[in-house]
Amino acid sequence: MAEILPGVHQVEGVDPSPDFTTHVYLVKDRGGTWTLIDTGLPGASNAILEYMAKIKVDPSAVKKILITHLHRDHVGSLKPMIERTHARTFSHWIEAAYLGLHPKYDGPGTPPAEAVAIDEVLKDGDSVDAAGGLIAYHTPGHTPGHTSFYQPERKLLFSGDLFFGQGDKLTLTPPEFTHHTLTAQISARRMAQLSIDSLLSYHGGPVLKNGGAAVRAVAEKL
C-alpha cells in the first residue's frame, strides 16, 4: 500500500498471508524523523527494513516505536527493530508490565515470546511528540492496556485492535481474541466521540475517508 496518506506509510510485505493483514505504520514526524506504530509478527522486521530502504529512510531516523498492545502479531519484531533503530519505545503502563513478562499475560491472543523493557510508559491522555503530535487514549477491552493514538490536527486514529476491518465493514475485534468485550464496547463508544477523518486499523481496512462515520456505525450497534 505504501504511502496511504501524506507522511503515513502502511509498510508493505509484512502480511503472513492474504487472509491475515497486519498493518504496521511508519509515520513522518514534524522534522526529519519517523515513528513506527507496532512492529508486526516475528520476522516482519526484515520486510520493515526493506521497505524503509525502498523509501530511503535510514533505520536511525526512526526515533520512537509506539505499541498499541502486547499481542505477538504487534510486538513480534519489536526487539530486532529496537536493535536496528535504537528508537525509544512507548506503551501503556499495563501493557509495559506484560511486555516485560512480569506477570506473563494469560488472556486470549499470543503473548510476547520474550521480555521487552519499555522506555516510556503512558497513561490515558498523555501527549506523545511523534507523528505530528499524538494523544494516547487508553482503549481497554481487547487487552487491559490497549492504547489508540489520535492525531488531532489531521484527525487520524491509529486504533490497533479496537476495531477490525472485514471487507468494507468495520466491527469490533471478535470476542474470541478479546480480553473483555464489554469493556471494548465502552472504548469504541468513547472513540466514536472523536472527530475522525481516517481510521488506521491494524487488521483489515484502513478507512481513509469518513472514518468517524464508520466508528459511529459500530458504536450505534453496541
C-alpha atoms as a PDB file:
ATOM      1  CA  MET A   1       0.000   0.000   0.000  1.00  0.00           C
ATOM      2  CA  ALA A   2       2.964   2.289   0.538  1.00  0.00           C
ATOM      3  CA  GLU A   3       2.110   5.938   1.335  1.00  0.00           C
ATOM      4  CA  ILE A   4      -1.624   5.840   2.023  1.00  0.00           C
ATOM      5  CA  LEU A   5      -1.818   9.419   3.329  1.00  0.00           C
ATOM      6  CA  PRO A   6       0.796  12.205   3.232  1.00  0.00           C
ATOM      7  CA  GLY A   7       3.560  11.074   5.558  1.00  0.00           C
ATOM      8  CA  VAL A   8       1.705   7.899   6.588  1.00  0.00           C
ATOM      9  CA  HIS A   9       3.060   4.632   5.182  1.00  0.00           C
ATOM     10  CA  GLN A  10       1.444   1.229   5.510  1.00  0.00           C
ATOM     11  CA  VAL A  11       4.509  -0.993   5.364  1.00  0.00           C
ATOM     12  CA  GLU A  12       4.470  -3.482   2.514  1.00  0.00           C
ATOM     13  CA  GLY A  13       5.395  -7.134   2.826  1.00  0.00           C
ATOM     14  CA  VAL A  14       4.568  -7.789   6.482  1.00  0.00           C
ATOM     15  CA  ASP A  15       1.376  -9.826   5.999  1.00  0.00           C
ATOM     16  CA  PRO A  16       1.821 -13.557   6.698  1.00  0.00           C
ATOM     17  CA  SER A  17      -0.950 -14.384   4.188  1.00  0.00           C
ATOM     18  CA  PRO A  18      -3.599 -12.598   2.096  1.00  0.00           C
ATOM     19  CA  ASP A  19      -6.179 -13.683   4.671  1.00  0.00           C
ATOM     20  CA  PHE A  20      -4.376 -12.123   7.638  1.00  0.00           C
ATOM     21  CA  THR A  21      -3.428  -8.476   7.239  1.00  0.00           C
ATOM     22  CA  THR A  22      -1.119  -6.739   9.690  1.00  0.00           C
ATOM     23  CA  HIS A  23      -0.842  -3.000   9.169  1.00  0.00           C
ATOM     24  CA  VAL A  24       2.447  -1.697  10.524  1.00  0.00           C
ATOM     25  CA  TYR A  25       2.503   2.089  10.125  1.00  0.00           C
ATOM     26  CA  LEU A  26       5.578   4.230   9.518  1.00  0.00           C
ATOM     27  CA  VAL A  27       4.684   7.869  10.112  1.00  0.00           C
ATOM     28  CA  LYS A  28       6.648  11.066   9.429  1.00  0.00           C
ATOM     29  CA  ASP A  29       7.344  13.327  12.368  1.00  0.00           C
ATOM     30  CA  ARG A  30       7.384  17.118  12.115  1.00  0.00           C
ATOM     31  CA  GLY A  31      11.128  17.177  11.434  1.00  0.00           C
ATOM     32  CA  GLY A  32      13.241  14.659   9.583  1.00  0.00           C
ATOM     33  CA  THR A  33      12.480  11.736  11.872  1.00  0.00           C
ATOM     34  CA  TRP A  34       9.936   8.918  11.796  1.00  0.00           C
ATOM     35  CA  THR A  35       7.743   6.935  14.189  1.00  0.00           C
ATOM     36  CA  LEU A  36       6.818   3.253  13.883  1.00  0.00           C
ATOM     37  CA  ILE A  37       3.443   2.156  15.233  1.00  0.00           C
ATOM     38  CA  ASP A  38       3.565  -1.568  16.101  1.00  0.00           C
ATOM     39  CA  THR A  39       6.116  -3.936  14.588  1.00  0.00           C
ATOM     40  CA  GLY A  40       4.321  -6.994  13.222  1.00  0.00           C
ATOM     41  CA  LEU A  41       4.920 -10.700  13.724  1.00  0.00           C
ATOM     42  CA  PRO A  42       8.309 -12.289  14.358  1.00  0.00           C
ATOM     43  CA  GLY A  43      10.309 -11.931  11.147  1.00  0.00           C
ATOM     44  CA  ALA A  44       8.437  -8.819   9.972  1.00  0.00           C
ATOM     45  CA  SER A  45      11.483  -6.678  10.776  1.00  0.00           C
ATOM     46  CA  ASN A  46      13.084  -7.822   7.510  1.00  0.00           C
ATOM     47  CA  ALA A  47      10.153  -6.502   5.487  1.00  0.00           C
ATOM     48  CA  ILE A  48      10.021  -3.275   7.518  1.00  0.00           C
ATOM     49  CA  LEU A  49      13.710  -2.586   6.937  1.00  0.00           C
ATOM     50  CA  GLU A  50      13.417  -3.455   3.232  1.00  0.00           C
ATOM     51  CA  TYR A  51      10.503  -1.071   2.902  1.00  0.00           C
ATOM     52  CA  MET A  52      12.404   1.677   4.708  1.00  0.00           C
ATOM     53  CA  ALA A  53      15.334   1.188   2.350  1.00  0.00           C
ATOM     54  CA  LYS A  54      12.948   1.402  -0.598  1.00  0.00           C
ATOM     55  CA  ILE A  55      11.634   4.811   0.501  1.00  0.00           C
ATOM     56  CA  LYS A  56      15.133   5.916   1.597  1.00  0.00           C
ATOM     57  CA  VAL A  57      14.508   6.091   5.338  1.00  0.00           C
ATOM     58  CA  ASP A  58      17.585   5.161   7.321  1.00  0.00           C
ATOM     59  CA  PRO A  59      16.842   2.983  10.389  1.00  0.00           C
ATOM     60  CA  SER A  60      18.453   5.640  12.602  1.00  0.00           C
ATOM     61  CA  ALA A  61      15.735   8.103  11.507  1.00  0.00           C
ATOM     62  CA  VAL A  62      13.117   6.088  13.452  1.00  0.00           C
ATOM     63  CA  LYS A  63      13.258   7.677  16.895  1.00  0.00           C
ATOM     64  CA  LYS A  64      10.103   6.259  18.506  1.00  0.00           C
ATOM     65  CA  ILE A  65       8.241   2.943  18.406  1.00  0.00           C
ATOM     66  CA  LEU A  66       4.680   3.068  19.741  1.00  0.00           C
ATOM     67  CA  ILE A  67       2.989  -0.159  20.801  1.00  0.00           C
ATOM     68  CA  THR A  68      -0.799  -0.433  20.876  1.00  0.00           C
ATOM     69  CA  HIS A  69      -0.806  -3.666  22.878  1.00  0.00           C
ATOM     70  CA  LEU A  70       1.130  -6.774  23.852  1.00  0.00           C
ATOM     71  CA  HIS A  71      -0.022  -9.428  21.350  1.00  0.00           C
ATOM     72  CA  ARG A  72       2.792 -11.084  19.412  1.00  0.00           C
ATOM     73  CA  ASP A  73       1.469 -10.061  15.989  1.00  0.00           C
ATOM     74  CA  HIS A  74       2.104  -6.462  17.126  1.00  0.00           C
ATOM     75  CA  VAL A  75       5.380  -6.885  19.041  1.00  0.00           C
ATOM     76  CA  GLY A  76       6.960  -9.957  17.442  1.00  0.00           C
ATOM     77  CA  SER A  77       9.561  -7.799  15.697  1.00  0.00           C
ATOM     78  CA  LEU A  78       9.942  -5.231  18.462  1.00  0.00           C
ATOM     79  CA  LYS A  79      13.346  -6.418  19.689  1.00  0.00           C
ATOM     80  CA  PRO A  80      15.040  -6.510  16.263  1.00  0.00           C
ATOM     81  CA  MET A  81      13.569  -3.111  15.376  1.00  0.00           C
ATOM     82  CA  ILE A  82      14.912  -1.654  18.612  1.00  0.00           C
ATOM     83  CA  GLU A  83      18.321  -3.151  17.824  1.00  0.00           C
ATOM     84  CA  ARG A  84      18.376  -1.682  14.302  1.00  0.00           C
ATOM     85  CA  THR A  85      16.883   1.740  15.047  1.00  0.00           C
ATOM     86  CA  HIS A  86      17.852   2.382  18.706  1.00  0.00           C
ATOM     87  CA  ALA A  87      14.419   4.023  18.971  1.00  0.00           C
ATOM     88  CA  ARG A  88      12.719   4.693  22.293  1.00  0.00           C
ATOM     89  CA  THR A  89       9.684   2.545  22.980  1.00  0.00           C
ATOM     90  CA  PHE A  90       6.288   3.633  24.314  1.00  0.00           C
ATOM     91  CA  SER A  91       3.257   1.725  25.595  1.00  0.00           C
ATOM     92  CA  HIS A  92       0.556   1.964  28.243  1.00  0.00           C
ATOM     93  CA  TRP A  93       1.879   1.139  31.702  1.00  0.00           C
ATOM     94  CA  ILE A  94      -0.269  -2.004  31.947  1.00  0.00           C
ATOM     95  CA  GLU A  95       0.999  -3.338  28.627  1.00  0.00           C
ATOM     96  CA  ALA A  96       4.557  -2.453  29.633  1.00  0.00           C
ATOM     97  CA  ALA A  97       4.287  -4.863  32.565  1.00  0.00           C
ATOM     98  CA  TYR A  98       3.012  -7.667  30.333  1.00  0.00           C
ATOM     99  CA  LEU A  99       5.669  -6.908  27.706  1.00  0.00           C
ATOM    100  CA  GLY A 100       8.217  -7.347  30.452  1.00  0.00           C
ATOM    101  CA  LEU A 101       6.584 -10.720  31.265  1.00  0.00           C
ATOM    102  CA  HIS A 102       6.037  -9.587  34.846  1.00  0.00           C
ATOM    103  CA  PRO A 103       3.443 -11.057  35.053  1.00  0.00           C
ATOM    104  CA  LYS A 104       3.078 -13.245  31.986  1.00  0.00           C
ATOM    105  CA  TYR A 105      -0.149 -12.473  30.119  1.00  0.00           C
ATOM    106  CA  ASP A 106      -2.773 -15.229  30.316  1.00  0.00           C
ATOM    107  CA  GLY A 107      -5.616 -13.735  28.268  1.00  0.00           C
ATOM    108  CA  PRO A 108      -6.636 -14.583  24.687  1.00  0.00           C
ATOM    109  CA  GLY A 109      -4.112 -13.959  21.960  1.00  0.00           C
ATOM    110  CA  THR A 110      -0.438 -14.868  21.933  1.00  0.00           C
ATOM    111  CA  PRO A 111       1.780 -13.072  24.456  1.00  0.00           C
ATOM    112  CA  PRO A 112       5.353 -11.984  23.708  1.00  0.00           C
ATOM    113  CA  ALA A 113       7.905 -14.781  23.364  1.00  0.00           C
ATOM    114  CA  GLU A 114      10.494 -12.903  25.413  1.00  0.00           C
ATOM    115  CA  ALA A 115      10.551  -9.913  27.720  1.00  0.00           C
ATOM    116  CA  VAL A 116      10.996  -6.412  26.313  1.00  0.00           C
ATOM    117  CA  ALA A 117      11.622  -3.381  28.535  1.00  0.00           C
ATOM    118  CA  ILE A 118       9.567  -0.323  27.522  1.00  0.00           C
ATOM    119  CA  ASP A 119      11.360   3.019  27.813  1.00  0.00           C
ATOM    120  CA  GLU A 120       8.392   5.315  28.446  1.00  0.00           C
ATOM    121  CA  VAL A 121       5.069   4.237  29.913  1.00  0.00           C
ATOM    122  CA  LEU A 122       1.866   6.067  29.054  1.00  0.00           C
ATOM    123  CA  LYS A 123      -1.470   6.728  30.691  1.00  0.00           C
ATOM    124  CA  ASP A 124      -4.742   7.934  29.229  1.00  0.00           C
ATOM    125  CA  GLY A 125      -4.492  11.424  27.739  1.00  0.00           C
ATOM    126  CA  ASP A 126      -0.710  11.612  27.553  1.00  0.00           C
ATOM    127  CA  SER A 127       0.807  13.537  24.657  1.00  0.00           C
ATOM    128  CA  VAL A 128       3.499  11.924  22.526  1.00  0.00           C
ATOM    129  CA  ASP A 129       5.778  14.113  20.408  1.00  0.00           C
ATOM    130  CA  ALA A 130       5.535  11.849  17.384  1.00  0.00           C
ATOM    131  CA  ALA A 131       3.789  11.809  14.008  1.00  0.00           C
ATOM    132  CA  GLY A 132       2.986  15.499  14.284  1.00  0.00           C
ATOM    133  CA  GLY A 133       1.695  15.205  17.852  1.00  0.00           C
ATOM    134  CA  LEU A 134      -0.337  12.294  19.181  1.00  0.00           C
ATOM    135  CA  ILE A 135      -2.683  11.781  22.116  1.00  0.00           C
ATOM    136  CA  ALA A 136      -2.620   8.360  23.765  1.00  0.00           C
ATOM    137  CA  TYR A 137      -6.119   7.101  24.545  1.00  0.00           C
ATOM    138  CA  HIS A 138      -6.426   4.111  26.852  1.00  0.00           C
ATOM    139  CA  THR A 139      -8.921   1.904  24.986  1.00  0.00           C
ATOM    140  CA  PRO A 140      -9.069  -1.281  27.071  1.00  0.00           C
ATOM    141  CA  GLY A 141     -11.040  -4.390  26.226  1.00  0.00           C
ATOM    142  CA  HIS A 142      -9.024  -6.208  23.601  1.00  0.00           C
ATOM    143  CA  THR A 143      -6.253  -6.212  26.210  1.00  0.00           C
ATOM    144  CA  PRO A 144      -6.199  -4.428  29.586  1.00  0.00           C
ATOM    145  CA  GLY A 145      -3.786  -1.700  28.497  1.00  0.00           C
ATOM    146  CA  HIS A 146      -4.707  -1.429  24.820  1.00  0.00           C
ATOM    147  CA  THR A 147      -3.982   2.083  23.523  1.00  0.00           C
ATOM    148  CA  SER A 148      -5.111   4.026  20.469  1.00  0.00           C
ATOM    149  CA  PHE A 149      -3.185   7.045  19.173  1.00  0.00           C
ATOM    150  CA  TYR A 150      -5.008  10.126  17.867  1.00  0.00           C
ATOM    151  CA  GLN A 151      -3.566  12.928  15.738  1.00  0.00           C
ATOM    152  CA  PRO A 152      -5.992  15.826  16.361  1.00  0.00           C
ATOM    153  CA  GLU A 153      -4.859  18.218  13.616  1.00  0.00           C
ATOM    154  CA  ARG A 154      -5.277  15.647  10.848  1.00  0.00           C
ATOM    155  CA  LYS A 155      -7.984  13.676  12.693  1.00  0.00           C
ATOM    156  CA  LEU A 156      -6.186  10.357  12.342  1.00  0.00           C
ATOM    157  CA  LEU A 157      -6.861   7.479  14.728  1.00  0.00           C
ATOM    158  CA  PHE A 158      -4.388   4.604  14.909  1.00  0.00           C
ATOM    159  CA  SER A 159      -6.765   2.165  16.568  1.00  0.00           C
ATOM    160  CA  GLY A 160      -4.698  -1.014  16.973  1.00  0.00           C
ATOM    161  CA  ASP A 161      -7.093  -3.920  17.515  1.00  0.00           C
ATOM    162  CA  LEU A 162     -10.003  -1.969  18.956  1.00  0.00           C
ATOM    163  CA  PHE A 163     -11.645  -2.230  15.540  1.00  0.00           C
ATOM    164  CA  PHE A 164     -11.399  -4.951  12.903  1.00  0.00           C
ATOM    165  CA  GLY A 165     -11.845  -4.378   9.165  1.00  0.00           C
ATOM    166  CA  GLN A 166     -13.783  -7.060   7.301  1.00  0.00           C
ATOM    167  CA  GLY A 167     -14.047  -6.136   3.647  1.00  0.00           C
ATOM    168  CA  ASP A 168     -15.878  -2.810   3.526  1.00  0.00           C
ATOM    169  CA  LYS A 169     -17.268  -3.340   7.037  1.00  0.00           C
ATOM    170  CA  LEU A 170     -15.857  -2.299  10.370  1.00  0.00           C
ATOM    171  CA  THR A 171     -16.545  -4.263  13.560  1.00  0.00           C
ATOM    172  CA  LEU A 172     -15.066  -4.726  16.980  1.00  0.00           C
ATOM    173  CA  THR A 173     -12.308  -7.329  17.114  1.00  0.00           C
ATOM    174  CA  PRO A 174     -14.045 -10.727  17.585  1.00  0.00           C
ATOM    175  CA  PRO A 175     -14.679 -11.807  21.202  1.00  0.00           C
ATOM    176  CA  GLU A 176     -12.532 -14.939  20.921  1.00  0.00           C
ATOM    177  CA  PHE A 177      -9.462 -12.692  20.593  1.00  0.00           C
ATOM    178  CA  THR A 178     -10.558 -10.121  23.172  1.00  0.00           C
ATOM    179  CA  HIS A 179      -9.886  -9.994  26.900  1.00  0.00           C
ATOM    180  CA  HIS A 180     -13.226  -8.327  27.781  1.00  0.00           C
ATOM    181  CA  THR A 181     -15.667  -7.482  25.014  1.00  0.00           C
ATOM    182  CA  LEU A 182     -17.978  -5.294  27.117  1.00  0.00           C
ATOM    183  CA  THR A 183     -15.039  -3.061  28.022  1.00  0.00           C
ATOM    184  CA  ALA A 184     -14.043  -2.908  24.340  1.00  0.00           C
ATOM    185  CA  GLN A 185     -17.585  -1.710  23.584  1.00  0.00           C
ATOM    186  CA  ILE A 186     -17.162   1.129  26.080  1.00  0.00           C
ATOM    187  CA  SER A 187     -13.843   2.066  24.453  1.00  0.00           C
ATOM    188  CA  ALA A 188     -15.460   2.035  20.996  1.00  0.00           C
ATOM    189  CA  ARG A 189     -18.236   4.352  22.147  1.00  0.00           C
ATOM    190  CA  ARG A 190     -15.642   6.718  23.575  1.00  0.00           C
ATOM    191  CA  MET A 191     -13.693   6.808  20.303  1.00  0.00           C
ATOM    192  CA  ALA A 192     -16.937   7.494  18.435  1.00  0.00           C
ATOM    193  CA  GLN A 193     -16.993  10.873  20.176  1.00  0.00           C
ATOM    194  CA  LEU A 194     -13.778  11.954  18.430  1.00  0.00           C
ATOM    195  CA  SER A 195     -13.678  13.764  15.108  1.00  0.00           C
ATOM    196  CA  ILE A 196     -12.021  11.179  12.836  1.00  0.00           C
ATOM    197  CA  ASP A 197     -11.215  11.522   9.160  1.00  0.00           C
ATOM    198  CA  SER A 198      -9.052   8.401   8.778  1.00  0.00           C
ATOM    199  CA  LEU A 199      -9.259   5.254  10.899  1.00  0.00           C
ATOM    200  CA  LEU A 200      -5.944   3.405  10.682  1.00  0.00           C
ATOM    201  CA  SER A 201      -6.754  -0.079  11.943  1.00  0.00           C
ATOM    202  CA  TYR A 202      -4.251  -2.915  12.275  1.00  0.00           C
ATOM    203  CA  HIS A 203      -6.246  -5.800  10.763  1.00  0.00           C
ATOM    204  CA  GLY A 204      -8.358  -5.035   7.710  1.00  0.00           C
ATOM    205  CA  GLY A 205      -9.165  -1.591   6.422  1.00  0.00           C
ATOM    206  CA  PRO A 206      -7.931   1.068   6.917  1.00  0.00           C
ATOM    207  CA  VAL A 207     -10.810   3.514   6.448  1.00  0.00           C
ATOM    208  CA  LEU A 208      -9.116   6.523   4.878  1.00  0.00           C
ATOM    209  CA  LYS A 209     -12.237   8.662   4.385  1.00  0.00           C
ATOM    210  CA  ASN A 210     -15.218   9.146   6.697  1.00  0.00           C
ATOM    211  CA  GLY A 211     -13.560   7.072   9.394  1.00  0.00           C
ATOM    212  CA  GLY A 212     -15.682   8.757  12.052  1.00  0.00           C
ATOM    213  CA  ALA A 213     -18.888   7.626  10.379  1.00  0.00           C
ATOM    214  CA  ALA A 214     -17.574   4.048  10.297  1.00  0.00           C
ATOM    215  CA  VAL A 215     -16.707   4.172  14.002  1.00  0.00           C
ATOM    216  CA  ARG A 216     -20.099   5.682  14.927  1.00  0.00           C
ATOM    217  CA  ALA A 217     -21.858   2.975  12.930  1.00  0.00           C
ATOM    218  CA  VAL A 218     -20.084   0.337  15.022  1.00  0.00           C
ATOM    219  CA  ALA A 219     -20.838   2.154  18.277  1.00  0.00           C
ATOM    220  CA  GLU A 220     -24.523   2.589  17.456  1.00  0.00           C
ATOM    221  CA  LYS A 221     -24.947  -1.182  17.120  1.00  0.00           C
ATOM    222  CA  LEU A 222     -23.441  -1.964  20.514  1.00  0.00           C
END
